[in-house]
């Protein structure tokens, strides 16, 4: 039997998600065959976009502002 690890919610990025290249806040999730995912900031997503489109099953871009968990409390 084969086990595939899949992100719990592959559609939504959080403020805790970090770019796999530079550790900046992730804005793009590329889901690969087998369920693995790669996270990228906007800069690195643009840099690797052509290659990602060839190998990713799905690419999800965050369009909403991502807040850290503490920022909502500070704004209140």
PDB file of N, CA and C in Angstrom:
ATOM      1  N   UNK A   1       0.850  -1.174   0.000  1.00  0.00           N
ATOM      2  CA  UNK A   1       0.000   0.000   0.000  1.00  0.00           C
ATOM      3  C   UNK A   1       0.894   1.236   0.000  1.00  0.00           C
ATOM      4  N   UNK A   2       0.463   2.263  -0.717  1.00  0.00           N
ATOM      5  CA  UNK A   2       1.218   3.503  -0.830  1.00  0.00           C
ATOM      6  C   UNK A   2       0.476   4.610  -0.097  1.00  0.00           C
ATOM      7  N   UNK A   3       1.201   5.432   0.634  1.00  0.00           N
ATOM      8  CA  UNK A   3       0.599   6.545   1.363  1.00  0.00           C
ATOM      9  C   UNK A   3       1.034   7.850   0.725  1.00  0.00           C
ATOM     10  N   UNK A   4       0.088   8.732   0.488  1.00  0.00           N
ATOM     11  CA  UNK A   4       0.386  10.033  -0.079  1.00  0.00           C
ATOM     12  C   UNK A   4       0.069  11.103   0.945  1.00  0.00           C
ATOM     13  N   UNK A   5       1.015  11.975   1.205  1.00  0.00           N
ATOM     14  CA  UNK A   5       0.776  13.087   2.116  1.00  0.00           C
ATOM     15  C   UNK A   5       0.234  14.256   1.318  1.00  0.00           C
ATOM     16  N   UNK A   6      -0.884  14.783   1.746  1.00  0.00           N
ATOM     17  CA  UNK A   6      -1.515  15.906   1.072  1.00  0.00           C
ATOM     18  C   UNK A   6      -1.755  17.000   2.093  1.00  0.00           C
ATOM     19  N   UNK A   7      -1.505  18.256   1.750  1.00  0.00           N
ATOM     20  CA  UNK A   7      -1.782  19.333   2.701  1.00  0.00           C
ATOM     21  C   UNK A   7      -3.231  19.284   3.143  1.00  0.00           C
ATOM     22  N   UNK A   8      -3.481  19.585   4.404  1.00  0.00           N
ATOM     23  CA  UNK A   8      -4.828  19.509   4.958  1.00  0.00           C
ATOM     24  C   UNK A   8      -5.814  20.354   4.162  1.00  0.00           C
ATOM     25  N   UNK A   9      -5.446  21.590   3.871  1.00  0.00           N
ATOM     26  CA  UNK A   9      -6.308  22.443   3.058  1.00  0.00           C
ATOM     27  C   UNK A   9      -5.442  23.033   1.961  1.00  0.00           C
ATOM     28  N   UNK A  10      -5.403  22.354   0.842  1.00  0.00           N
ATOM     29  CA  UNK A  10      -4.498  22.726  -0.240  1.00  0.00           C
ATOM     30  C   UNK A  10      -4.924  23.995  -0.959  1.00  0.00           C
ATOM     31  N   UNK A  11      -6.034  24.591  -0.580  1.00  0.00           N
ATOM     32  CA  UNK A  11      -6.476  25.778  -1.295  1.00  0.00           C
ATOM     33  C   UNK A  11      -6.160  27.061  -0.554  1.00  0.00           C
ATOM     34  N   UNK A  12      -5.869  27.001   0.720  1.00  0.00           N
ATOM     35  CA  UNK A  12      -5.743  28.230   1.491  1.00  0.00           C
ATOM     36  C   UNK A  12      -4.355  28.367   2.097  1.00  0.00           C
ATOM     37  N   UNK A  13      -3.712  29.478   1.834  1.00  0.00           N
ATOM     38  CA  UNK A  13      -2.429  29.786   2.447  1.00  0.00           C
ATOM     39  C   UNK A  13      -2.678  30.612   3.701  1.00  0.00           C
ATOM     40  N   UNK A  14      -1.798  30.464   4.670  1.00  0.00           N
ATOM     41  CA  UNK A  14      -1.908  31.249   5.899  1.00  0.00           C
ATOM     42  C   UNK A  14      -0.656  32.100   6.057  1.00  0.00           C
ATOM     43  N   UNK A  15      -0.681  33.000   7.009  1.00  0.00           N
ATOM     44  CA  UNK A  15       0.475  33.847   7.279  1.00  0.00           C
ATOM     45  C   UNK A  15       1.665  33.024   7.753  1.00  0.00           C
ATOM     46  N   UNK A  16       1.432  31.836   8.248  1.00  0.00           N
ATOM     47  CA  UNK A  16       2.519  30.975   8.723  1.00  0.00           C
ATOM     48  C   UNK A  16       3.222  30.237   7.585  1.00  0.00           C
ATOM     49  N   UNK A  17       2.610  30.168   6.406  1.00  0.00           N
ATOM     50  CA  UNK A  17       3.215  29.477   5.262  1.00  0.00           C
ATOM     51  C   UNK A  17       4.385  30.300   4.730  1.00  0.00           C
ATOM     52  N   UNK A  18       5.517  29.646   4.492  1.00  0.00           N
ATOM     53  CA  UNK A  18       6.741  30.319   4.083  1.00  0.00           C
ATOM     54  C   UNK A  18       7.275  29.780   2.766  1.00  0.00           C
ATOM     55  N   UNK A  19       7.891  30.657   1.987  1.00  0.00           N
ATOM     56  CA  UNK A  19       8.503  30.298   0.710  1.00  0.00           C
ATOM     57  C   UNK A  19       9.581  29.246   0.946  1.00  0.00           C
ATOM     58  N   UNK A  20       9.584  28.207   0.125  1.00  0.00           N
ATOM     59  CA  UNK A  20      10.584  27.149   0.240  1.00  0.00           C
ATOM     60  C   UNK A  20      11.977  27.607  -0.186  1.00  0.00           C
ATOM     61  N   UNK A  21      12.096  28.733  -0.853  1.00  0.00           N
ATOM     62  CA  UNK A  21      13.403  29.225  -1.310  1.00  0.00           C
ATOM     63  C   UNK A  21      14.010  30.251  -0.355  1.00  0.00           C
ATOM     64  N   UNK A  22      13.188  31.181   0.185  1.00  0.00           N
ATOM     65  CA  UNK A  22      13.770  32.291   0.948  1.00  0.00           C
ATOM     66  C   UNK A  22      13.106  32.547   2.299  1.00  0.00           C
ATOM     67  N   UNK A  23      12.093  31.797   2.637  1.00  0.00           N
ATOM     68  CA  UNK A  23      11.370  31.931   3.908  1.00  0.00           C
ATOM     69  C   UNK A  23      10.506  33.185   4.025  1.00  0.00           C
ATOM     70  N   UNK A  24      10.298  33.907   2.923  1.00  0.00           N
ATOM     71  CA  UNK A  24       9.339  35.016   2.934  1.00  0.00           C
ATOM     72  C   UNK A  24       7.928  34.428   2.984  1.00  0.00           C
ATOM     73  N   UNK A  25       6.946  35.266   3.223  1.00  0.00           N
ATOM     74  CA  UNK A  25       5.566  34.783   3.284  1.00  0.00           C
ATOM     75  C   UNK A  25       5.158  34.182   1.941  1.00  0.00           C
ATOM     76  N   UNK A  26       4.637  32.972   1.975  1.00  0.00           N
ATOM     77  CA  UNK A  26       4.232  32.282   0.745  1.00  0.00           C
ATOM     78  C   UNK A  26       2.950  32.881   0.193  1.00  0.00           C
ATOM     79  N   UNK A  27       2.916  33.069  -1.114  1.00  0.00           N
ATOM     80  CA  UNK A  27       1.729  33.581  -1.805  1.00  0.00           C
ATOM     81  C   UNK A  27       1.234  32.616  -2.867  1.00  0.00           C
ATOM     82  N   UNK A  28       2.037  31.577  -3.173  1.00  0.00           N
ATOM     83  CA  UNK A  28       1.689  30.613  -4.219  1.00  0.00           C
ATOM     84  C   UNK A  28       1.990  29.207  -3.721  1.00  0.00           C
ATOM     85  N   UNK A  29       1.038  28.292  -3.934  1.00  0.00           N
ATOM     86  CA  UNK A  29       1.225  26.879  -3.608  1.00  0.00           C
ATOM     87  C   UNK A  29       1.144  26.095  -4.907  1.00  0.00           C
ATOM     88  N   UNK A  30       2.192  25.321  -5.198  1.00  0.00           N
ATOM     89  CA  UNK A  30       2.206  24.459  -6.378  1.00  0.00           C
ATOM     90  C   UNK A  30       2.059  23.021  -5.895  1.00  0.00           C
ATOM     91  N   UNK A  31       0.984  22.371  -6.288  1.00  0.00           N
ATOM     92  CA  UNK A  31       0.734  20.985  -5.876  1.00  0.00           C
ATOM     93  C   UNK A  31       1.238  20.066  -6.980  1.00  0.00           C
ATOM     94  N   UNK A  32       2.100  19.140  -6.593  1.00  0.00           N
ATOM     95  CA  UNK A  32       2.744  18.240  -7.539  1.00  0.00           C
ATOM     96  C   UNK A  32       2.014  16.904  -7.600  1.00  0.00           C
ATOM     97  N   UNK A  33       2.375  16.086  -8.590  1.00  0.00           N
ATOM     98  CA  UNK A  33       1.839  14.728  -8.667  1.00  0.00           C
ATOM     99  C   UNK A  33       2.204  14.009  -7.377  1.00  0.00           C
ATOM    100  N   UNK A  34       1.323  13.244  -6.822  1.00  0.00           N
ATOM    101  CA  UNK A  34       1.584  12.533  -5.579  1.00  0.00           C
ATOM    102  C   UNK A  34       1.171  13.317  -4.354  1.00  0.00           C
ATOM    103  N   UNK A  35       0.785  14.591  -4.517  1.00  0.00           N
ATOM    104  CA  UNK A  35       0.253  15.355  -3.400  1.00  0.00           C
ATOM    105  C   UNK A  35       1.227  16.285  -2.701  1.00  0.00           C
ATOM    106  N   UNK A  36       2.520  16.177  -2.969  1.00  0.00           N
ATOM    107  CA  UNK A  36       3.468  17.097  -2.337  1.00  0.00           C
ATOM    108  C   UNK A  36       3.210  18.516  -2.841  1.00  0.00           C
ATOM    109  N   UNK A  37       3.575  19.497  -2.027  1.00  0.00           N
ATOM    110  CA  UNK A  37       3.395  20.871  -2.484  1.00  0.00           C
ATOM    111  C   UNK A  37       4.659  21.676  -2.262  1.00  0.00           C
ATOM    112  N   UNK A  38       4.792  22.733  -3.063  1.00  0.00           N
ATOM    113  CA  UNK A  38       5.882  23.684  -2.942  1.00  0.00           C
ATOM    114  C   UNK A  38       5.261  25.047  -2.704  1.00  0.00           C
ATOM    115  N   UNK A  39       5.852  25.818  -1.801  1.00  0.00           N
ATOM    116  CA  UNK A  39       5.349  27.150  -1.486  1.00  0.00           C
ATOM    117  C   UNK A  39       6.367  28.187  -1.943  1.00  0.00           C
ATOM    118  N   UNK A  40       5.859  29.280  -2.524  1.00  0.00           N
ATOM    119  CA  UNK A  40       6.745  30.326  -3.021  1.00  0.00           C
ATOM    120  C   UNK A  40       6.191  31.703  -2.708  1.00  0.00           C
ATOM    121  N   UNK A  41       7.091  32.657  -2.461  1.00  0.00           N
ATOM    122  CA  UNK A  41       6.708  34.068  -2.403  1.00  0.00           C
ATOM    123  C   UNK A  41       6.423  34.507  -3.839  1.00  0.00           C
ATOM    124  N   UNK A  42       5.915  35.713  -4.020  1.00  0.00           N
ATOM    125  CA  UNK A  42       5.621  36.181  -5.383  1.00  0.00           C
ATOM    126  C   UNK A  42       6.873  36.219  -6.246  1.00  0.00           C
ATOM    127  N   UNK A  43       7.972  36.678  -5.677  1.00  0.00           N
ATOM    128  CA  UNK A  43       9.214  36.791  -6.446  1.00  0.00           C
ATOM    129  C   UNK A  43       9.650  35.436  -7.003  1.00  0.00           C
ATOM    130  N   UNK A  44       9.720  34.424  -6.150  1.00  0.00           N
ATOM    131  CA  UNK A  44      10.182  33.118  -6.612  1.00  0.00           C
ATOM    132  C   UNK A  44       9.129  32.402  -7.452  1.00  0.00           C
ATOM    133  N   UNK A  45       7.862  32.639  -7.200  1.00  0.00           N
ATOM    134  CA  UNK A  45       6.817  32.052  -8.045  1.00  0.00           C
ATOM    135  C   UNK A  45       6.956  32.563  -9.473  1.00  0.00           C
ATOM    136  N   UNK A  46       7.229  33.852  -9.624  1.00  0.00           N
ATOM    137  CA  UNK A  46       7.426  34.410 -10.960  1.00  0.00           C
ATOM    138  C   UNK A  46       8.694  33.861 -11.601  1.00  0.00           C
ATOM    139  N   UNK A  47       9.738  33.716 -10.792  1.00  0.00           N
ATOM    140  CA  UNK A  47      11.007  33.206 -11.305  1.00  0.00           C
ATOM    141  C   UNK A  47      10.864  31.781 -11.845  1.00  0.00           C
ATOM    142  N   UNK A  48      10.082  30.945 -11.164  1.00  0.00           N
ATOM    143  CA  UNK A  48       9.956  29.534 -11.540  1.00  0.00           C
ATOM    144  C   UNK A  48       8.642  29.199 -12.245  1.00  0.00           C
ATOM    145  N   UNK A  49       7.852  30.208 -12.577  1.00  0.00           N
ATOM    146  CA  UNK A  49       6.510  29.974 -13.125  1.00  0.00           C
ATOM    147  C   UNK A  49       6.503  29.045 -14.337  1.00  0.00           C
ATOM    148  N   UNK A  50       7.363  29.271 -15.285  1.00  0.00           N
ATOM    149  CA  UNK A  50       7.364  28.453 -16.504  1.00  0.00           C
ATOM    150  C   UNK A  50       7.597  26.976 -16.185  1.00  0.00           C
ATOM    151  N   UNK A  51       8.579  26.697 -15.339  1.00  0.00           N
ATOM    152  CA  UNK A  51       8.875  25.311 -14.973  1.00  0.00           C
ATOM    153  C   UNK A  51       7.749  24.707 -14.130  1.00  0.00           C
ATOM    154  N   UNK A  52       7.185  25.496 -13.213  1.00  0.00           N
ATOM    155  CA  UNK A  52       6.093  24.985 -12.371  1.00  0.00           C
ATOM    156  C   UNK A  52       4.877  24.605 -13.201  1.00  0.00           C
ATOM    157  N   UNK A  53       4.554  25.420 -14.192  1.00  0.00           N
ATOM    158  CA  UNK A  53       3.380  25.125 -15.026  1.00  0.00           C
ATOM    159  C   UNK A  53       3.538  23.811 -15.777  1.00  0.00           C
ATOM    160  N   UNK A  54       4.770  23.399 -16.027  1.00  0.00           N
ATOM    161  CA  UNK A  54       5.021  22.135 -16.724  1.00  0.00           C
ATOM    162  C   UNK A  54       4.846  20.921 -15.812  1.00  0.00           C
ATOM    163  N   UNK A  55       5.137  21.061 -14.517  1.00  0.00           N
ATOM    164  CA  UNK A  55       5.175  19.890 -13.634  1.00  0.00           C
ATOM    165  C   UNK A  55       4.104  19.872 -12.545  1.00  0.00           C
ATOM    166  N   UNK A  56       3.501  21.005 -12.237  1.00  0.00           N
ATOM    167  CA  UNK A  56       2.510  21.054 -11.158  1.00  0.00           C
ATOM    168  C   UNK A  56       1.147  20.573 -11.644  1.00  0.00           C
ATOM    169  N   UNK A  57       0.435  19.885 -10.766  1.00  0.00           N
ATOM    170  CA  UNK A  57      -0.930  19.463 -11.054  1.00  0.00           C
ATOM    171  C   UNK A  57      -1.860  20.661 -10.901  1.00  0.00           C
ATOM    172  N   UNK A  58      -1.554  21.506  -9.919  1.00  0.00           N
ATOM    173  CA  UNK A  58      -2.406  22.660  -9.624  1.00  0.00           C
ATOM    174  C   UNK A  58      -1.544  23.759  -9.023  1.00  0.00           C
ATOM    175  N   UNK A  59      -1.812  25.003  -9.389  1.00  0.00           N
ATOM    176  CA  UNK A  59      -1.120  26.144  -8.816  1.00  0.00           C
ATOM    177  C   UNK A  59      -2.171  27.065  -8.214  1.00  0.00           C
ATOM    178  N   UNK A  60      -1.990  27.363  -6.931  1.00  0.00           N
ATOM    179  CA  UNK A  60      -2.949  28.193  -6.201  1.00  0.00           C
ATOM    180  C   UNK A  60      -2.254  29.476  -5.783  1.00  0.00           C
ATOM    181  N   UNK A  61      -2.805  30.609  -6.204  1.00  0.00           N
ATOM    182  CA  UNK A  61      -2.247  31.909  -5.832  1.00  0.00           C
ATOM    183  C   UNK A  61      -3.161  32.565  -4.816  1.00  0.00           C
ATOM    184  N   UNK A  62      -2.578  33.096  -3.767  1.00  0.00           N
ATOM    185  CA  UNK A  62      -3.349  33.803  -2.759  1.00  0.00           C
ATOM    186  C   UNK A  62      -3.637  35.203  -3.270  1.00  0.00           C
ATOM    187  N   UNK A  63      -4.898  35.576  -3.276  1.00  0.00           N
ATOM    188  CA  UNK A  63      -5.271  36.902  -3.757  1.00  0.00           C
ATOM    189  C   UNK A  63      -5.690  37.813  -2.619  1.00  0.00           C
ATOM    190  N   UNK A  64      -5.879  37.246  -1.435  1.00  0.00           N
ATOM    191  CA  UNK A  64      -6.294  38.063  -0.295  1.00  0.00           C
ATOM    192  C   UNK A  64      -5.090  38.380   0.579  1.00  0.00           C
ATOM    193  N   UNK A  65      -5.153  39.498   1.300  1.00  0.00           N
ATOM    194  CA  UNK A  65      -4.053  39.813   2.199  1.00  0.00           C
ATOM    195  C   UNK A  65      -3.971  38.761   3.304  1.00  0.00           C
ATOM    196  N   UNK A  66      -2.772  38.334   3.622  1.00  0.00           N
ATOM    197  CA  UNK A  66      -2.571  37.351   4.678  1.00  0.00           C
ATOM    198  C   UNK A  66      -2.117  38.085   5.928  1.00  0.00           C
ATOM    199  N   UNK A  67      -2.811  37.860   7.028  1.00  0.00           N
ATOM    200  CA  UNK A  67      -2.460  38.511   8.283  1.00  0.00           C
ATOM    201  C   UNK A  67      -1.829  37.506   9.213  1.00  0.00           C
ATOM    202  N   UNK A  68      -0.941  37.989  10.040  1.00  0.00           N
ATOM    203  CA  UNK A  68      -0.407  37.115  11.073  1.00  0.00           C
ATOM    204  C   UNK A  68      -1.469  36.972  12.144  1.00  0.00           C
ATOM    205  N   UNK A  69      -1.351  35.937  12.947  1.00  0.00           N
ATOM    206  CA  UNK A  69      -2.355  35.679  13.967  1.00  0.00           C
ATOM    207  C   UNK A  69      -2.455  36.840  14.941  1.00  0.00           C
ATOM    208  N   UNK A  70      -1.355  37.512  15.247  1.00  0.00           N
ATOM    209  CA  UNK A  70      -1.355  38.587  16.209  1.00  0.00           C
ATOM    210  C   UNK A  70      -1.845  39.913  15.661  1.00  0.00           C
ATOM    211  N   UNK A  71      -1.825  40.114  14.345  1.00  0.00           N
ATOM    212  CA  UNK A  71      -2.179  41.403  13.782  1.00  0.00           C
ATOM    213  C   UNK A  71      -3.658  41.735  13.960  1.00  0.00           C
ATOM    214  N   UNK A  72      -4.529  40.752  13.915  1.00  0.00           N
ATOM    215  CA  UNK A  72      -5.964  41.008  14.100  1.00  0.00           C
ATOM    216  C   UNK A  72      -6.223  41.505  15.509  1.00  0.00           C
ATOM    217  N   UNK A  73      -5.506  40.935  16.461  1.00  0.00           N
ATOM    218  CA  UNK A  73      -5.693  41.347  17.848  1.00  0.00           C
ATOM    219  C   UNK A  73      -5.168  42.772  18.064  1.00  0.00           C
ATOM    220  N   UNK A  74      -4.065  43.141  17.418  1.00  0.00           N
ATOM    221  CA  UNK A  74      -3.500  44.478  17.554  1.00  0.00           C
ATOM    222  C   UNK A  74      -4.418  45.528  16.946  1.00  0.00           C
ATOM    223  N   UNK A  75      -5.128  45.171  15.861  1.00  0.00           N
ATOM    224  CA  UNK A  75      -5.987  46.136  15.177  1.00  0.00           C
ATOM    225  C   UNK A  75      -7.277  46.398  15.937  1.00  0.00           C
ATOM    226  N   UNK A  76      -7.646  45.518  16.845  1.00  0.00           N
ATOM    227  CA  UNK A  76      -8.926  45.635  17.556  1.00  0.00           C
ATOM    228  C   UNK A  76      -8.883  46.741  18.588  1.00  0.00           C
TER     229      UNK A  76
END
